[in-house]
PDB file of N, CA and C in Angstrom:
ATOM      1  N   MET A   1     101.044 157.701  59.991  1.00  0.00           N
ATOM      2  CA  MET A   1     101.108 159.332  59.923  1.00  0.00           C
ATOM      3  C   MET A   1     102.384 159.700  59.220  1.00  0.00           C
ATOM      4  N   SER A   2     102.161 160.562  58.530  1.00  0.00           N
ATOM      5  CA  SER A   2     103.393 161.065  57.779  1.00  0.00           C
ATOM      6  C   SER A   2     104.178 161.978  58.623  1.00  0.00           C
ATOM      7  N   PRO A   3     105.491 162.178  58.528  1.00  0.00           N
ATOM      8  CA  PRO A   3     106.183 163.123  59.461  1.00  0.00           C
ATOM      9  C   PRO A   3     105.881 164.733  59.050  1.00  0.00           C
ATOM     10  N   LYS A   4     105.784 165.541  60.138  1.00  0.00           N
ATOM     11  CA  LYS A   4     105.656 166.854  59.741  1.00  0.00           C
ATOM     12  C   LYS A   4     106.706 167.489  59.124  1.00  0.00           C
ATOM     13  N   ILE A   5     106.427 168.346  57.886  1.00  0.00           N
ATOM     14  CA  ILE A   5     107.562 168.790  57.155  1.00  0.00           C
ATOM     15  C   ILE A   5     107.633 170.286  57.704  1.00  0.00           C
ATOM     16  N   TYR A   6     106.785 170.978  57.691  1.00  0.00           N
ATOM     17  CA  TYR A   6     106.695 172.434  58.148  1.00  0.00           C
ATOM     18  C   TYR A   6     106.724 172.727  59.527  1.00  0.00           C
ATOM     19  N   PRO A   7     107.603 173.549  59.999  1.00  0.00           N
ATOM     20  CA  PRO A   7     107.377 173.863  61.573  1.00  0.00           C
ATOM     21  C   PRO A   7     106.274 174.799  61.934  1.00  0.00           C
ATOM     22  N   CYS A   8     105.920 175.535  60.763  1.00  0.00           N
ATOM     23  CA  CYS A   8     104.930 176.765  61.136  1.00  0.00           C
ATOM     24  C   CYS A   8     103.850 176.383  59.835  1.00  0.00           C
ATOM     25  N   SER A   9     102.833 176.503  60.014  1.00  0.00           N
ATOM     26  CA  SER A   9     101.736 176.233  59.121  1.00  0.00           C
ATOM     27  C   SER A   9     101.842 177.271  57.896  1.00  0.00           C
ATOM     28  N   LYS A  10     102.181 178.347  58.105  1.00  0.00           N
ATOM     29  CA  LYS A  10     101.977 179.466  57.139  1.00  0.00           C
ATOM     30  C   LYS A  10     103.314 179.517  56.445  1.00  0.00           C
ATOM     31  N   ASP A  11     104.559 179.027  57.011  1.00  0.00           N
ATOM     32  CA  ASP A  11     105.720 179.449  56.518  1.00  0.00           C
ATOM     33  C   ASP A  11     106.182 178.085  55.750  1.00  0.00           C
ATOM     34  N   ARG A  12     106.381 178.325  54.139  1.00  0.00           N
ATOM     35  CA  ARG A  12     106.800 177.225  53.330  1.00  0.00           C
ATOM     36  C   ARG A  12     108.459 177.326  52.924  1.00  0.00           C
ATOM     37  N   GLU A  13     108.982 178.486  53.559  1.00  0.00           N
ATOM     38  CA  GLU A  13     110.302 178.513  53.511  1.00  0.00           C
ATOM     39  C   GLU A  13     111.223 177.731  54.504  1.00  0.00           C
ATOM     40  N   THR A  14     110.712 177.286  55.480  1.00  0.00           N
ATOM     41  CA  THR A  14     111.354 176.539  56.399  1.00  0.00           C
ATOM     42  C   THR A  14     110.738 175.006  56.623  1.00  0.00           C
ATOM     43  N   VAL A  15     111.539 174.134  56.950  1.00  0.00           N
ATOM     44  CA  VAL A  15     111.113 172.621  56.713  1.00  0.00           C
ATOM     45  C   VAL A  15     111.956 171.855  57.832  1.00  0.00           C
ATOM     46  N   TYR A  16     111.552 170.821  58.368  1.00  0.00           N
ATOM     47  CA  TYR A  16     112.184 169.921  59.200  1.00  0.00           C
ATOM     48  C   TYR A  16     113.172 169.014  58.336  1.00  0.00           C
ATOM     49  N   LEU A  17     114.490 169.197  58.405  1.00  0.00           N
ATOM     50  CA  LEU A  17     115.289 168.446  57.574  1.00  0.00           C
ATOM     51  C   LEU A  17     115.206 166.813  57.854  1.00  0.00           C
ATOM     52  N   LYS A  18     114.643 166.406  59.017  1.00  0.00           N
ATOM     53  CA  LYS A  18     114.602 164.985  59.017  1.00  0.00           C
ATOM     54  C   LYS A  18     113.536 164.513  58.243  1.00  0.00           C
ATOM     55  N   SER A  19     112.408 165.148  58.070  1.00  0.00           N
ATOM     56  CA  SER A  19     111.289 164.799  57.373  1.00  0.00           C
ATOM     57  C   SER A  19     111.533 164.716  55.830  1.00  0.00           C
ATOM     58  N   ILE A  20     112.510 165.359  55.459  1.00  0.00           N
ATOM     59  CA  ILE A  20     112.783 165.249  53.762  1.00  0.00           C
ATOM     60  C   ILE A  20     114.090 164.763  53.247  1.00  0.00           C
ATOM     61  N   ILE A  21     115.067 164.240  54.324  1.00  0.00           N
ATOM     62  CA  ILE A  21     115.996 163.622  53.842  1.00  0.00           C
ATOM     63  C   ILE A  21     115.995 161.961  53.733  1.00  0.00           C
ATOM     64  N   SER A  22     116.279 161.621  52.831  1.00  0.00           N
ATOM     65  CA  SER A  22     116.494 159.918  52.379  1.00  0.00           C
ATOM     66  C   SER A  22     117.527 159.402  52.550  1.00  0.00           C
ATOM     67  N   ASN A  23     118.887 160.084  52.442  1.00  0.00           N
ATOM     68  CA  ASN A  23     120.229 159.411  52.340  1.00  0.00           C
ATOM     69  C   ASN A  23     120.571 159.253  53.732  1.00  0.00           C
ATOM     70  N   SER A  24     120.870 157.857  54.006  1.00  0.00           N
ATOM     71  CA  SER A  24     121.339 157.560  55.247  1.00  0.00           C
ATOM     72  C   SER A  24     122.686 157.911  55.645  1.00  0.00           C
ATOM     73  N   ASN A  25     123.594 158.644  54.764  1.00  0.00           N
ATOM     74  CA  ASN A  25     124.631 159.084  55.123  1.00  0.00           C
ATOM     75  C   ASN A  25     124.637 160.597  55.901  1.00  0.00           C
ATOM     76  N   ILE A  26     123.487 161.069  55.729  1.00  0.00           N
ATOM     77  CA  ILE A  26     123.190 162.327  56.295  1.00  0.00           C
ATOM     78  C   ILE A  26     122.479 161.951  57.564  1.00  0.00           C
ATOM     79  N   ILE A  27     123.167 162.580  58.793  1.00  0.00           N
ATOM     80  CA  ILE A  27     122.696 162.477  60.145  1.00  0.00           C
ATOM     81  C   ILE A  27     122.274 163.854  60.529  1.00  0.00           C
ATOM     82  N   ILE A  28     120.985 163.729  60.974  1.00  0.00           N
ATOM     83  CA  ILE A  28     120.355 165.054  61.544  1.00  0.00           C
ATOM     84  C   ILE A  28     119.321 164.633  62.560  1.00  0.00           C
ATOM     85  N   SER A  29     119.269 165.595  63.641  1.00  0.00           N
ATOM     86  CA  SER A  29     118.510 165.319  64.763  1.00  0.00           C
ATOM     87  C   SER A  29     116.982 165.669  64.399  1.00  0.00           C
ATOM     88  N   ASP A  30     116.111 165.358  65.200  1.00  0.00           N
ATOM     89  CA  ASP A  30     114.762 165.446  64.815  1.00  0.00           C
ATOM     90  C   ASP A  30     114.138 166.845  64.739  1.00  0.00           C
ATOM     91  N   TYR A  31     114.836 167.843  65.261  1.00  0.00           N
ATOM     92  CA  TYR A  31     114.378 169.327  65.303  1.00  0.00           C
ATOM     93  C   TYR A  31     115.292 170.033  64.473  1.00  0.00           C
ATOM     94  N   THR A  32     116.132 169.501  63.649  1.00  0.00           N
ATOM     95  CA  THR A  32     116.839 170.519  62.818  1.00  0.00           C
ATOM     96  C   THR A  32     116.239 171.099  61.746  1.00  0.00           C
ATOM     97  N   ILE A  33     116.120 172.494  61.707  1.00  0.00           N
ATOM     98  CA  ILE A  33     115.380 173.210  60.482  1.00  0.00           C
ATOM     99  C   ILE A  33     116.517 173.807  59.476  1.00  0.00           C
ATOM    100  N   TYR A  34     115.686 173.988  58.430  1.00  0.00           N
ATOM    101  CA  TYR A  34     116.271 174.726  57.151  1.00  0.00           C
ATOM    102  C   TYR A  34     115.452 175.574  56.581  1.00  0.00           C
ATOM    103  N   ASN A  35     116.161 176.798  56.289  1.00  0.00           N
ATOM    104  CA  ASN A  35     115.254 177.737  55.590  1.00  0.00           C
ATOM    105  C   ASN A  35     115.865 178.365  54.338  1.00  0.00           C
ATOM    106  N   ASP A  36     115.126 178.399  53.201  1.00  0.00           N
ATOM    107  CA  ASP A  36     115.522 178.785  51.985  1.00  0.00           C
ATOM    108  C   ASP A  36     114.629 179.620  51.269  1.00  0.00           C
ATOM    109  N   PHE A  37     114.817 180.883  51.318  1.00  0.00           N
ATOM    110  CA  PHE A  37     113.718 181.979  50.995  1.00  0.00           C
ATOM    111  C   PHE A  37     113.862 182.088  49.510  1.00  0.00           C
ATOM    112  N   VAL A  38     114.930 181.667  48.799  1.00  0.00           N
ATOM    113  CA  VAL A  38     115.319 181.822  47.444  1.00  0.00           C
ATOM    114  C   VAL A  38     114.567 180.664  46.521  1.00  0.00           C
ATOM    115  N   ARG A  39     114.712 179.604  47.072  1.00  0.00           N
ATOM    116  CA  ARG A  39     114.473 178.142  46.244  1.00  0.00           C
ATOM    117  C   ARG A  39     113.871 177.401  47.240  1.00  0.00           C
ATOM    118  N   GLU A  40     113.340 176.339  46.566  1.00  0.00           N
ATOM    119  CA  GLU A  40     112.506 175.289  47.441  1.00  0.00           C
ATOM    120  C   GLU A  40     113.337 174.571  48.465  1.00  0.00           C
ATOM    121  N   PRO A  41     112.937 174.785  49.732  1.00  0.00           N
ATOM    122  CA  PRO A  41     113.567 174.024  50.806  1.00  0.00           C
ATOM    123  C   PRO A  41     113.605 172.621  50.943  1.00  0.00           C
ATOM    124  N   LYS A  42     112.712 171.754  50.056  1.00  0.00           N
ATOM    125  CA  LYS A  42     112.670 170.329  49.963  1.00  0.00           C
ATOM    126  C   LYS A  42     113.803 169.999  49.108  1.00  0.00           C
ATOM    127  N   ASP A  43     114.468 170.848  48.438  1.00  0.00           N
ATOM    128  CA  ASP A  43     115.605 170.363  47.503  1.00  0.00           C
ATOM    129  C   ASP A  43     116.999 170.530  48.314  1.00  0.00           C
ATOM    130  N   PHE A  44     116.899 170.474  49.711  1.00  0.00           N
ATOM    131  CA  PHE A  44     118.224 170.731  50.304  1.00  0.00           C
ATOM    132  C   PHE A  44     119.051 169.531  50.071  1.00  0.00           C
ATOM    133  N   GLU A  45     118.710 168.119  50.077  1.00  0.00           N
ATOM    134  CA  GLU A  45     119.453 167.136  49.797  1.00  0.00           C
ATOM    135  C   GLU A  45     120.148 167.246  48.403  1.00  0.00           C
ATOM    136  N   LYS A  46     119.397 167.460  47.428  1.00  0.00           N
ATOM    137  CA  LYS A  46     119.928 167.556  46.092  1.00  0.00           C
ATOM    138  C   LYS A  46     120.882 168.819  45.988  1.00  0.00           C
ATOM    139  N   LYS A  47     120.722 170.098  46.555  1.00  0.00           N
ATOM    140  CA  LYS A  47     121.506 171.109  46.555  1.00  0.00           C
ATOM    141  C   LYS A  47     122.968 170.819  47.196  1.00  0.00           C
ATOM    142  N   SER A  48     122.648 169.906  48.283  1.00  0.00           N
ATOM    143  CA  SER A  48     123.995 169.783  49.158  1.00  0.00           C
ATOM    144  C   SER A  48     124.713 168.605  48.853  1.00  0.00           C
ATOM    145  N   GLU A  49     124.309 167.777  47.952  1.00  0.00           N
ATOM    146  CA  GLU A  49     124.796 166.305  47.663  1.00  0.00           C
ATOM    147  C   GLU A  49     126.319 166.275  47.564  1.00  0.00           C
ATOM    148  N   ARG A  50     127.070 167.330  46.964  1.00  0.00           N
ATOM    149  CA  ARG A  50     128.325 167.074  46.881  1.00  0.00           C
ATOM    150  C   ARG A  50     129.063 167.300  48.318  1.00  0.00           C
ATOM    151  N   TYR A  51     128.421 167.701  49.593  1.00  0.00           N
ATOM    152  CA  TYR A  51     129.264 167.710  50.508  1.00  0.00           C
ATOM    153  C   TYR A  51     129.133 166.468  51.377  1.00  0.00           C
ATOM    154  N   PHE A  52     128.181 165.625  50.992  1.00  0.00           N
ATOM    155  CA  PHE A  52     128.172 164.268  51.834  1.00  0.00           C
ATOM    156  C   PHE A  52     128.617 163.196  51.200  1.00  0.00           C
ATOM    157  N   PHE A  53     129.411 163.222  50.133  1.00  0.00           N
ATOM    158  CA  PHE A  53     130.083 162.193  49.626  1.00  0.00           C
ATOM    159  C   PHE A  53     131.440 162.153  49.449  1.00  0.00           C
TER     160      PHE A  53
END
């Protein structure tokens, strides 16, 4: 079963970060959420890359 990405079924601006992060240097709890109403929230890792290295 794939991890749940969206906490609310009709809200596509909020995501569970644990489900979309692939970099092992980024440590996130299971229920940490991220909201981005301007851009695609699934791009969090790409947009925040400079802060994790």
